[in-house]
Amino acid sequence: SVRINAGKYIVALRGRGLHIVSMTESDLVINGFIT
């Protein structure tokens, strides 16, 4: 599970083997099996 603050709402991801590949102050890349 990954939950991301997107200002007025939250983006929630669920899946298996989720991991953050890269992240900057405002950008990110998440890999894994997203369900």
PDB file of all heavy atoms in Angstrom:
ATOM      1  N   SER A   1       0.826  -1.199   0.000  1.00  0.00           N
ATOM      2  CA  SER A   1       0.000   0.000   0.000  1.00  0.00           C
ATOM      3  C   SER A   1       0.863   1.252   0.000  1.00  0.00           C
ATOM      4  O   SER A   1       1.859   1.321   0.716  1.00  0.00           O
ATOM      5  CB  SER A   1      -0.889  -0.006   1.250  1.00  0.00           C
ATOM      6  OG  SER A   1      -1.665   1.151   1.326  1.00  0.00           O
ATOM      7  N   VAL A   2       0.456   2.231  -0.814  1.00  0.00           N
ATOM      8  CA  VAL A   2       1.114   3.533  -0.822  1.00  0.00           C
ATOM      9  C   VAL A   2       0.008   4.588  -0.835  1.00  0.00           C
ATOM     10  O   VAL A   2      -0.922   4.501  -1.635  1.00  0.00           O
ATOM     11  CB  VAL A   2       2.026   3.725  -2.059  1.00  0.00           C
ATOM     12  CG1 VAL A   2       2.686   5.099  -2.040  1.00  0.00           C
ATOM     13  CG2 VAL A   2       3.078   2.642  -2.154  1.00  0.00           C
ATOM     14  N   ARG A   3       0.098   5.554   0.060  1.00  0.00           N
ATOM     15  CA  ARG A   3      -0.851   6.684   0.087  1.00  0.00           C
ATOM     16  C   ARG A   3      -0.053   7.958  -0.084  1.00  0.00           C
ATOM     17  O   ARG A   3       0.907   8.195   0.642  1.00  0.00           O
ATOM     18  CB  ARG A   3      -1.647   6.702   1.384  1.00  0.00           C
ATOM     19  CG  ARG A   3      -2.608   5.533   1.457  1.00  0.00           C
ATOM     20  CD  ARG A   3      -3.411   5.423   2.734  1.00  0.00           C
ATOM     21  NE  ARG A   3      -3.316   6.505   3.666  1.00  0.00           N
ATOM     22  CZ  ARG A   3      -4.366   7.175   4.149  1.00  0.00           C
ATOM     23  NH1 ARG A   3      -5.577   6.859   3.782  1.00  0.00           N
ATOM     24  NH2 ARG A   3      -4.183   8.144   5.027  1.00  0.00           N
ATOM     25  N   ILE A   4      -0.488   8.796  -1.062  1.00  0.00           N
ATOM     26  CA  ILE A   4       0.240   9.982  -1.454  1.00  0.00           C
ATOM     27  C   ILE A   4      -0.636  11.209  -1.245  1.00  0.00           C
ATOM     28  O   ILE A   4      -1.790  11.234  -1.691  1.00  0.00           O
ATOM     29  CB  ILE A   4       0.649   9.884  -2.939  1.00  0.00           C
ATOM     30  CG1 ILE A   4       1.460   8.605  -3.172  1.00  0.00           C
ATOM     31  CG2 ILE A   4       1.427  11.123  -3.373  1.00  0.00           C
ATOM     32  CD1 ILE A   4       1.436   8.112  -4.585  1.00  0.00           C
ATOM     33  N   ASN A   5      -0.091  12.228  -0.582  1.00  0.00           N
ATOM     34  CA  ASN A   5      -0.796  13.490  -0.406  1.00  0.00           C
ATOM     35  C   ASN A   5      -0.773  14.219  -1.750  1.00  0.00           C
ATOM     36  O   ASN A   5       0.288  14.521  -2.281  1.00  0.00           O
ATOM     37  CB  ASN A   5      -0.111  14.326   0.665  1.00  0.00           C
ATOM     38  CG  ASN A   5      -0.798  15.655   0.915  1.00  0.00           C
ATOM     39  OD1 ASN A   5      -1.696  16.052   0.192  1.00  0.00           O
ATOM     40  ND2 ASN A   5      -0.352  16.340   1.949  1.00  0.00           N
ATOM     41  N   ALA A   6      -1.970  14.512  -2.278  1.00  0.00           N
ATOM     42  CA  ALA A   6      -2.082  15.201  -3.566  1.00  0.00           C
ATOM     43  C   ALA A   6      -2.825  16.521  -3.394  1.00  0.00           C
ATOM     44  O   ALA A   6      -3.569  16.940  -4.269  1.00  0.00           O
ATOM     45  CB  ALA A   6      -2.776  14.301  -4.574  1.00  0.00           C
ATOM     46  N   GLY A   7      -2.648  17.156  -2.258  1.00  0.00           N
ATOM     47  CA  GLY A   7      -3.301  18.441  -2.005  1.00  0.00           C
ATOM     48  C   GLY A   7      -4.691  18.269  -1.432  1.00  0.00           C
ATOM     49  O   GLY A   7      -4.839  17.915  -0.277  1.00  0.00           O
ATOM     50  N   LYS A   8      -5.726  18.469  -2.248  1.00  0.00           N
ATOM     51  CA  LYS A   8      -7.105  18.383  -1.770  1.00  0.00           C
ATOM     52  C   LYS A   8      -7.588  16.948  -1.613  1.00  0.00           C
ATOM     53  O   LYS A   8      -8.677  16.717  -1.121  1.00  0.00           O
ATOM     54  CB  LYS A   8      -8.034  19.120  -2.724  1.00  0.00           C
ATOM     55  CG  LYS A   8      -7.782  20.605  -2.766  1.00  0.00           C
ATOM     56  CD  LYS A   8      -8.750  21.300  -3.690  1.00  0.00           C
ATOM     57  CE  LYS A   8      -8.473  22.791  -3.706  1.00  0.00           C
ATOM     58  NZ  LYS A   8      -9.389  23.503  -4.591  1.00  0.00           N
ATOM     59  N   TYR A   9      -6.820  15.995  -2.048  1.00  0.00           N
ATOM     60  CA  TYR A   9      -7.213  14.589  -1.941  1.00  0.00           C
ATOM     61  C   TYR A   9      -5.979  13.714  -1.743  1.00  0.00           C
ATOM     62  O   TYR A   9      -4.850  14.198  -1.748  1.00  0.00           O
ATOM     63  CB  TYR A   9      -8.010  14.156  -3.175  1.00  0.00           C
ATOM     64  CG  TYR A   9      -7.283  14.392  -4.466  1.00  0.00           C
ATOM     65  CD1 TYR A   9      -6.493  13.407  -5.017  1.00  0.00           C
ATOM     66  CD2 TYR A   9      -7.366  15.613  -5.120  1.00  0.00           C
ATOM     67  CE1 TYR A   9      -5.805  13.629  -6.190  1.00  0.00           C
ATOM     68  CE2 TYR A   9      -6.686  15.841  -6.293  1.00  0.00           C
ATOM     69  CZ  TYR A   9      -5.907  14.848  -6.820  1.00  0.00           C
ATOM     70  OH  TYR A   9      -5.228  15.066  -7.975  1.00  0.00           O
ATOM     71  N   ILE A  10      -6.210  12.428  -1.589  1.00  0.00           N
ATOM     72  CA  ILE A  10      -5.154  11.440  -1.396  1.00  0.00           C
ATOM     73  C   ILE A  10      -5.249  10.424  -2.525  1.00  0.00           C
ATOM     74  O   ILE A  10      -6.343   9.980  -2.873  1.00  0.00           O
ATOM     75  CB  ILE A  10      -5.305  10.736  -0.033  1.00  0.00           C
ATOM     76  CG1 ILE A  10      -5.105  11.754   1.096  1.00  0.00           C
ATOM     77  CG2 ILE A  10      -4.331   9.569   0.102  1.00  0.00           C
ATOM     78  CD1 ILE A  10      -5.497  11.227   2.457  1.00  0.00           C
ATOM     79  N   VAL A  11      -4.118  10.052  -3.099  1.00  0.00           N
ATOM     80  CA  VAL A  11      -4.056   8.973  -4.076  1.00  0.00           C
ATOM     81  C   VAL A  11      -3.565   7.741  -3.324  1.00  0.00           C
ATOM     82  O   VAL A  11      -2.483   7.757  -2.735  1.00  0.00           O
ATOM     83  CB  VAL A  11      -3.106   9.303  -5.245  1.00  0.00           C
ATOM     84  CG1 VAL A  11      -2.992   8.118  -6.199  1.00  0.00           C
ATOM     85  CG2 VAL A  11      -3.563  10.542  -5.985  1.00  0.00           C
ATOM     86  N   ALA A  12      -4.389   6.695  -3.315  1.00  0.00           N
ATOM     87  CA  ALA A  12      -4.031   5.460  -2.608  1.00  0.00           C
ATOM     88  C   ALA A  12      -3.807   4.342  -3.628  1.00  0.00           C
ATOM     89  O   ALA A  12      -4.632   4.134  -4.521  1.00  0.00           O
ATOM     90  CB  ALA A  12      -5.135   5.067  -1.635  1.00  0.00           C
ATOM     91  N   LEU A  13      -2.703   3.653  -3.505  1.00  0.00           N
ATOM     92  CA  LEU A  13      -2.385   2.505  -4.362  1.00  0.00           C
ATOM     93  C   LEU A  13      -2.380   1.256  -3.510  1.00  0.00           C
ATOM     94  O   LEU A  13      -1.916   1.270  -2.371  1.00  0.00           O
ATOM     95  CB  LEU A  13      -1.004   2.658  -4.996  1.00  0.00           C
ATOM     96  CG  LEU A  13      -0.701   3.904  -5.801  1.00  0.00           C
ATOM     97  CD1 LEU A  13       0.763   3.910  -6.210  1.00  0.00           C
ATOM     98  CD2 LEU A  13      -1.578   3.969  -7.015  1.00  0.00           C
ATOM     99  N   ARG A  14      -2.851   0.169  -4.078  1.00  0.00           N
ATOM    100  CA  ARG A  14      -2.752  -1.138  -3.430  1.00  0.00           C
ATOM    101  C   ARG A  14      -2.179  -2.103  -4.451  1.00  0.00           C
ATOM    102  O   ARG A  14      -2.348  -1.937  -5.651  1.00  0.00           O
ATOM    103  CB  ARG A  14      -4.124  -1.618  -2.987  1.00  0.00           C
ATOM    104  CG  ARG A  14      -4.804  -0.666  -2.047  1.00  0.00           C
ATOM    105  CD  ARG A  14      -5.232  -1.352  -0.773  1.00  0.00           C
ATOM    106  NE  ARG A  14      -6.082  -0.476   0.009  1.00  0.00           N
ATOM    107  CZ  ARG A  14      -5.642   0.399   0.884  1.00  0.00           C
ATOM    108  NH1 ARG A  14      -4.368   0.534   1.090  1.00  0.00           N
ATOM    109  NH2 ARG A  14      -6.484   1.150   1.579  1.00  0.00           N
ATOM    110  N   GLY A  15      -1.486  -3.109  -3.956  1.00  0.00           N
ATOM    111  CA  GLY A  15      -0.898  -4.086  -4.857  1.00  0.00           C
ATOM    112  C   GLY A  15       0.080  -4.984  -4.124  1.00  0.00           C
ATOM    113  O   GLY A  15      -0.005  -5.161  -2.906  1.00  0.00           O
ATOM    114  N   ARG A  16       1.015  -5.540  -4.889  1.00  0.00           N
ATOM    115  CA  ARG A  16       2.036  -6.443  -4.335  1.00  0.00           C
ATOM    116  C   ARG A  16       3.416  -5.961  -4.788  1.00  0.00           C
ATOM    117  O   ARG A  16       3.590  -5.542  -5.922  1.00  0.00           O
ATOM    118  CB  ARG A  16       1.814  -7.864  -4.835  1.00  0.00           C
ATOM    119  CG  ARG A  16       0.532  -8.476  -4.359  1.00  0.00           C
ATOM    120  CD  ARG A  16       0.426  -9.961  -4.727  1.00  0.00           C
ATOM    121  NE  ARG A  16       0.598 -10.235  -6.153  1.00  0.00           N
ATOM    122  CZ  ARG A  16      -0.367 -10.222  -7.068  1.00  0.00           C
ATOM    123  NH1 ARG A  16      -1.597  -9.914  -6.717  1.00  0.00           N
ATOM    124  NH2 ARG A  16      -0.116 -10.513  -8.321  1.00  0.00           N
ATOM    125  N   GLY A  17       4.353  -6.022  -3.896  1.00  0.00           N
ATOM    126  CA  GLY A  17       5.731  -5.651  -4.228  1.00  0.00           C
ATOM    127  C   GLY A  17       5.894  -4.198  -4.643  1.00  0.00           C
ATOM    128  O   GLY A  17       6.764  -3.884  -5.452  1.00  0.00           O
ATOM    129  N   LEU A  18       5.084  -3.312  -4.081  1.00  0.00           N
ATOM    130  CA  LEU A  18       5.173  -1.897  -4.433  1.00  0.00           C
ATOM    131  C   LEU A  18       6.431  -1.290  -3.826  1.00  0.00           C
ATOM    132  O   LEU A  18       6.740  -1.522  -2.662  1.00  0.00           O
ATOM    133  CB  LEU A  18       3.940  -1.141  -3.925  1.00  0.00           C
ATOM    134  CG  LEU A  18       2.589  -1.603  -4.464  1.00  0.00           C
ATOM    135  CD1 LEU A  18       1.465  -0.796  -3.819  1.00  0.00           C
ATOM    136  CD2 LEU A  18       2.532  -1.503  -5.970  1.00  0.00           C
ATOM    137  N   HIS A  19       7.159  -0.543  -4.629  1.00  0.00           N
ATOM    138  CA  HIS A  19       8.346   0.137  -4.111  1.00  0.00           C
ATOM    139  C   HIS A  19       8.579   1.433  -4.894  1.00  0.00           C
ATOM    140  O   HIS A  19       8.242   1.536  -6.066  1.00  0.00           O
ATOM    141  CB  HIS A  19       9.583  -0.766  -4.144  1.00  0.00           C
ATOM    142  CG  HIS A  19       9.955  -1.250  -5.511  1.00  0.00           C
ATOM    143  ND1 HIS A  19       9.333  -2.312  -6.116  1.00  0.00           N
ATOM    144  CD2 HIS A  19      10.862  -0.797  -6.389  1.00  0.00           C
ATOM    145  CE1 HIS A  19       9.851  -2.509  -7.308  1.00  0.00           C
ATOM    146  NE2 HIS A  19      10.784  -1.601  -7.503  1.00  0.00           N
ATOM    147  N   ILE A  20       9.118   2.415  -4.206  1.00  0.00           N
ATOM    148  CA  ILE A  20       9.431   3.697  -4.804  1.00  0.00           C
ATOM    149  C   ILE A  20      10.796   3.578  -5.469  1.00  0.00           C
ATOM    150  O   ILE A  20      11.800   3.308  -4.819  1.00  0.00           O
ATOM    151  CB  ILE A  20       9.427   4.822  -3.754  1.00  0.00           C
ATOM    152  CG1 ILE A  20       8.019   4.973  -3.163  1.00  0.00           C
ATOM    153  CG2 ILE A  20       9.888   6.134  -4.366  1.00  0.00           C
ATOM    154  CD1 ILE A  20       7.916   5.923  -2.008  1.00  0.00           C
ATOM    155  N   VAL A  21      10.798   3.769  -6.789  1.00  0.00           N
ATOM    156  CA  VAL A  21      12.031   3.656  -7.562  1.00  0.00           C
ATOM    157  C   VAL A  21      12.828   4.951  -7.481  1.00  0.00           C
ATOM    158  O   VAL A  21      14.038   4.930  -7.316  1.00  0.00           O
ATOM    159  CB  VAL A  21      11.718   3.318  -9.038  1.00  0.00           C
ATOM    160  CG1 VAL A  21      12.974   3.307  -9.878  1.00  0.00           C
ATOM    161  CG2 VAL A  21      10.988   1.999  -9.132  1.00  0.00           C
ATOM    162  N   SER A  22      12.131   6.084  -7.616  1.00  0.00           N
ATOM    163  CA  SER A  22      12.800   7.374  -7.481  1.00  0.00           C
ATOM    164  C   SER A  22      11.802   8.392  -6.951  1.00  0.00           C
ATOM    165  O   SER A  22      10.596   8.262  -7.124  1.00  0.00           O
ATOM    166  CB  SER A  22      13.405   7.841  -8.806  1.00  0.00           C
ATOM    167  OG  SER A  22      12.397   8.073  -9.759  1.00  0.00           O
ATOM    168  N   MET A  23      12.359   9.421  -6.299  1.00  0.00           N
ATOM    169  CA  MET A  23      11.507  10.419  -5.673  1.00  0.00           C
ATOM    170  C   MET A  23      12.263  11.743  -5.608  1.00  0.00           C
ATOM    171  O   MET A  23      13.438  11.768  -5.265  1.00  0.00           O
ATOM    172  CB  MET A  23      11.141   9.950  -4.269  1.00  0.00           C
ATOM    173  CG  MET A  23      10.189  10.827  -3.534  1.00  0.00           C
ATOM    174  SD  MET A  23       9.600   9.946  -2.079  1.00  0.00           S
ATOM    175  CE  MET A  23       9.788  11.222  -0.877  1.00  0.00           C
ATOM    176  N   THR A  24      11.562  12.812  -5.986  1.00  0.00           N
ATOM    177  CA  THR A  24      12.091  14.154  -5.826  1.00  0.00           C
ATOM    178  C   THR A  24      11.139  14.897  -4.896  1.00  0.00           C
ATOM    179  O   THR A  24      10.224  14.290  -4.331  1.00  0.00           O
ATOM    180  CB  THR A  24      12.200  14.904  -7.173  1.00  0.00           C
ATOM    181  OG1 THR A  24      10.892  15.123  -7.690  1.00  0.00           O
ATOM    182  CG2 THR A  24      13.036  14.135  -8.174  1.00  0.00           C
ATOM    183  N   GLU A  25      11.298  16.192  -4.773  1.00  0.00           N
ATOM    184  CA  GLU A  25      10.443  16.975  -3.877  1.00  0.00           C
ATOM    185  C   GLU A  25       8.961  16.831  -4.225  1.00  0.00           C
ATOM    186  O   GLU A  25       8.109  16.808  -3.338  1.00  0.00           O
ATOM    187  CB  GLU A  25      10.848  18.448  -3.943  1.00  0.00           C
ATOM    188  CG  GLU A  25      10.116  19.314  -2.954  1.00  0.00           C
ATOM    189  CD  GLU A  25      10.645  20.737  -2.971  1.00  0.00           C
ATOM    190  OE1 GLU A  25      11.876  20.915  -2.940  1.00  0.00           O
ATOM    191  OE2 GLU A  25       9.805  21.657  -3.004  1.00  0.00           O
ATOM    192  N   SER A  26       8.622  16.726  -5.513  1.00  0.00           N
ATOM    193  CA  SER A  26       7.207  16.656  -5.891  1.00  0.00           C
ATOM    194  C   SER A  26       6.864  15.524  -6.857  1.00  0.00           C
ATOM    195  O   SER A  26       5.707  15.363  -7.220  1.00  0.00           O
ATOM    196  CB  SER A  26       6.770  17.985  -6.511  1.00  0.00           C
ATOM    197  OG  SER A  26       7.471  18.213  -7.710  1.00  0.00           O
ATOM    198  N   ASP A  27       7.830  14.732  -7.284  1.00  0.00           N
ATOM    199  CA  ASP A  27       7.588  13.671  -8.258  1.00  0.00           C
ATOM    200  C   ASP A  27       8.053  12.329  -7.713  1.00  0.00           C
ATOM    201  O   ASP A  27       8.991  12.267  -6.929  1.00  0.00           O
ATOM    202  CB  ASP A  27       8.350  13.953  -9.553  1.00  0.00           C
ATOM    203  CG  ASP A  27       8.019  15.298 -10.167  1.00  0.00           C
ATOM    204  OD1 ASP A  27       6.940  15.840  -9.857  1.00  0.00           O
ATOM    205  OD2 ASP A  27       8.838  15.795 -10.947  1.00  0.00           O
ATOM    206  N   LEU A  28       7.377  11.258  -8.159  1.00  0.00           N
ATOM    207  CA  LEU A  28       7.822   9.924  -7.750  1.00  0.00           C
ATOM    208  C   LEU A  28       7.437   8.878  -8.774  1.00  0.00           C
ATOM    209  O   LEU A  28       6.504   9.056  -9.544  1.00  0.00           O
ATOM    210  CB  LEU A  28       7.294   9.556  -6.375  1.00  0.00           C
ATOM    211  CG  LEU A  28       5.804   9.508  -6.158  1.00  0.00           C
ATOM    212  CD1 LEU A  28       5.374   8.079  -5.915  1.00  0.00           C
ATOM    213  CD2 LEU A  28       5.470  10.343  -4.952  1.00  0.00           C
ATOM    214  N   VAL A  29       8.198   7.792  -8.772  1.00  0.00           N
ATOM    215  CA  VAL A  29       7.947   6.640  -9.623  1.00  0.00           C
ATOM    216  C   VAL A  29       7.783   5.438  -8.708  1.00  0.00           C
ATOM    217  O   VAL A  29       8.633   5.182  -7.852  1.00  0.00           O
ATOM    218  CB  VAL A  29       9.108   6.391 -10.616  1.00  0.00           C
ATOM    219  CG1 VAL A  29       8.858   5.125 -11.426  1.00  0.00           C
ATOM    220  CG2 VAL A  29       9.307   7.580 -11.533  1.00  0.00           C
ATOM    221  N   ILE A  30       6.662   4.712  -8.881  1.00  0.00           N
ATOM    222  CA  ILE A  30       6.383   3.526  -8.078  1.00  0.00           C
ATOM    223  C   ILE A  30       6.263   2.339  -9.015  1.00  0.00           C
ATOM    224  O   ILE A  30       5.526   2.389 -10.006  1.00  0.00           O
ATOM    225  CB  ILE A  30       5.081   3.698  -7.274  1.00  0.00           C
ATOM    226  CG1 ILE A  30       5.219   4.875  -6.314  1.00  0.00           C
ATOM    227  CG2 ILE A  30       4.729   2.412  -6.530  1.00  0.00           C
ATOM    228  CD1 ILE A  30       3.944   5.263  -5.616  1.00  0.00           C
ATOM    229  N   ASN A  31       6.988   1.270  -8.713  1.00  0.00           N
ATOM    230  CA  ASN A  31       6.908   0.018  -9.462  1.00  0.00           C
ATOM    231  C   ASN A  31       6.301  -1.058  -8.587  1.00  0.00           C
ATOM    232  O   ASN A  31       6.331  -0.965  -7.361  1.00  0.00           O
ATOM    233  CB  ASN A  31       8.295  -0.439  -9.916  1.00  0.00           C
ATOM    234  CG  ASN A  31       8.795   0.312 -11.129  1.00  0.00           C
ATOM    235  OD1 ASN A  31       8.096   1.131 -11.712  1.00  0.00           O
ATOM    236  ND2 ASN A  31      10.023   0.040 -11.497  1.00  0.00           N
ATOM    237  N   GLY A  32       5.797  -2.093  -9.208  1.00  0.00           N
ATOM    238  CA  GLY A  32       5.210  -3.230  -8.520  1.00  0.00           C
ATOM    239  C   GLY A  32       3.985  -3.688  -9.276  1.00  0.00           C
ATOM    240  O   GLY A  32       3.731  -3.261 -10.409  1.00  0.00           O
ATOM    241  N   PHE A  33       3.210  -4.564  -8.680  1.00  0.00           N
ATOM    242  CA  PHE A  33       1.978  -5.066  -9.282  1.00  0.00           C
ATOM    243  C   PHE A  33       0.825  -4.272  -8.693  1.00  0.00           C
ATOM    244  O   PHE A  33       0.405  -4.513  -7.559  1.00  0.00           O
ATOM    245  CB  PHE A  33       1.830  -6.566  -8.996  1.00  0.00           C
ATOM    246  CG  PHE A  33       0.694  -7.200  -9.731  1.00  0.00           C
ATOM    247  CD1 PHE A  33       0.847  -7.571 -11.058  1.00  0.00           C
ATOM    248  CD2 PHE A  33      -0.520  -7.407  -9.114  1.00  0.00           C
ATOM    249  CE1 PHE A  33      -0.203  -8.150 -11.745  1.00  0.00           C
ATOM    250  CE2 PHE A  33      -1.570  -7.994  -9.790  1.00  0.00           C
ATOM    251  CZ  PHE A  33      -1.419  -8.366 -11.112  1.00  0.00           C
ATOM    252  N   ILE A  34       0.331  -3.275  -9.433  1.00  0.00           N
ATOM    253  CA  ILE A  34      -0.711  -2.369  -8.946  1.00  0.00           C
ATOM    254  C   ILE A  34      -2.084  -2.974  -9.220  1.00  0.00           C
ATOM    255  O   ILE A  34      -2.408  -3.283 -10.367  1.00  0.00           O
ATOM    256  CB  ILE A  34      -0.592  -0.987  -9.621  1.00  0.00           C
ATOM    257  CG1 ILE A  34       0.779  -0.370  -9.321  1.00  0.00           C
ATOM    258  CG2 ILE A  34      -1.719  -0.060  -9.146  1.00  0.00           C
ATOM    259  CD1 ILE A  34       1.121   0.838 -10.177  1.00  0.00           C
ATOM    260  N   THR A  35      -2.877  -3.157  -8.164  1.00  0.00           N
ATOM    261  CA  THR A  35      -4.213  -3.741  -8.322  1.00  0.00           C
ATOM    262  C   THR A  35      -5.333  -2.733  -8.135  1.00  0.00           C
ATOM    263  O   THR A  35      -6.457  -2.969  -8.569  1.00  0.00           O
ATOM    264  CB  THR A  35      -4.439  -4.900  -7.335  1.00  0.00           C
ATOM    265  OG1 THR A  35      -4.248  -4.422  -6.006  1.00  0.00           O
ATOM    266  CG2 THR A  35      -3.468  -6.045  -7.612  1.00  0.00           C
TER     267      THR A  35
END
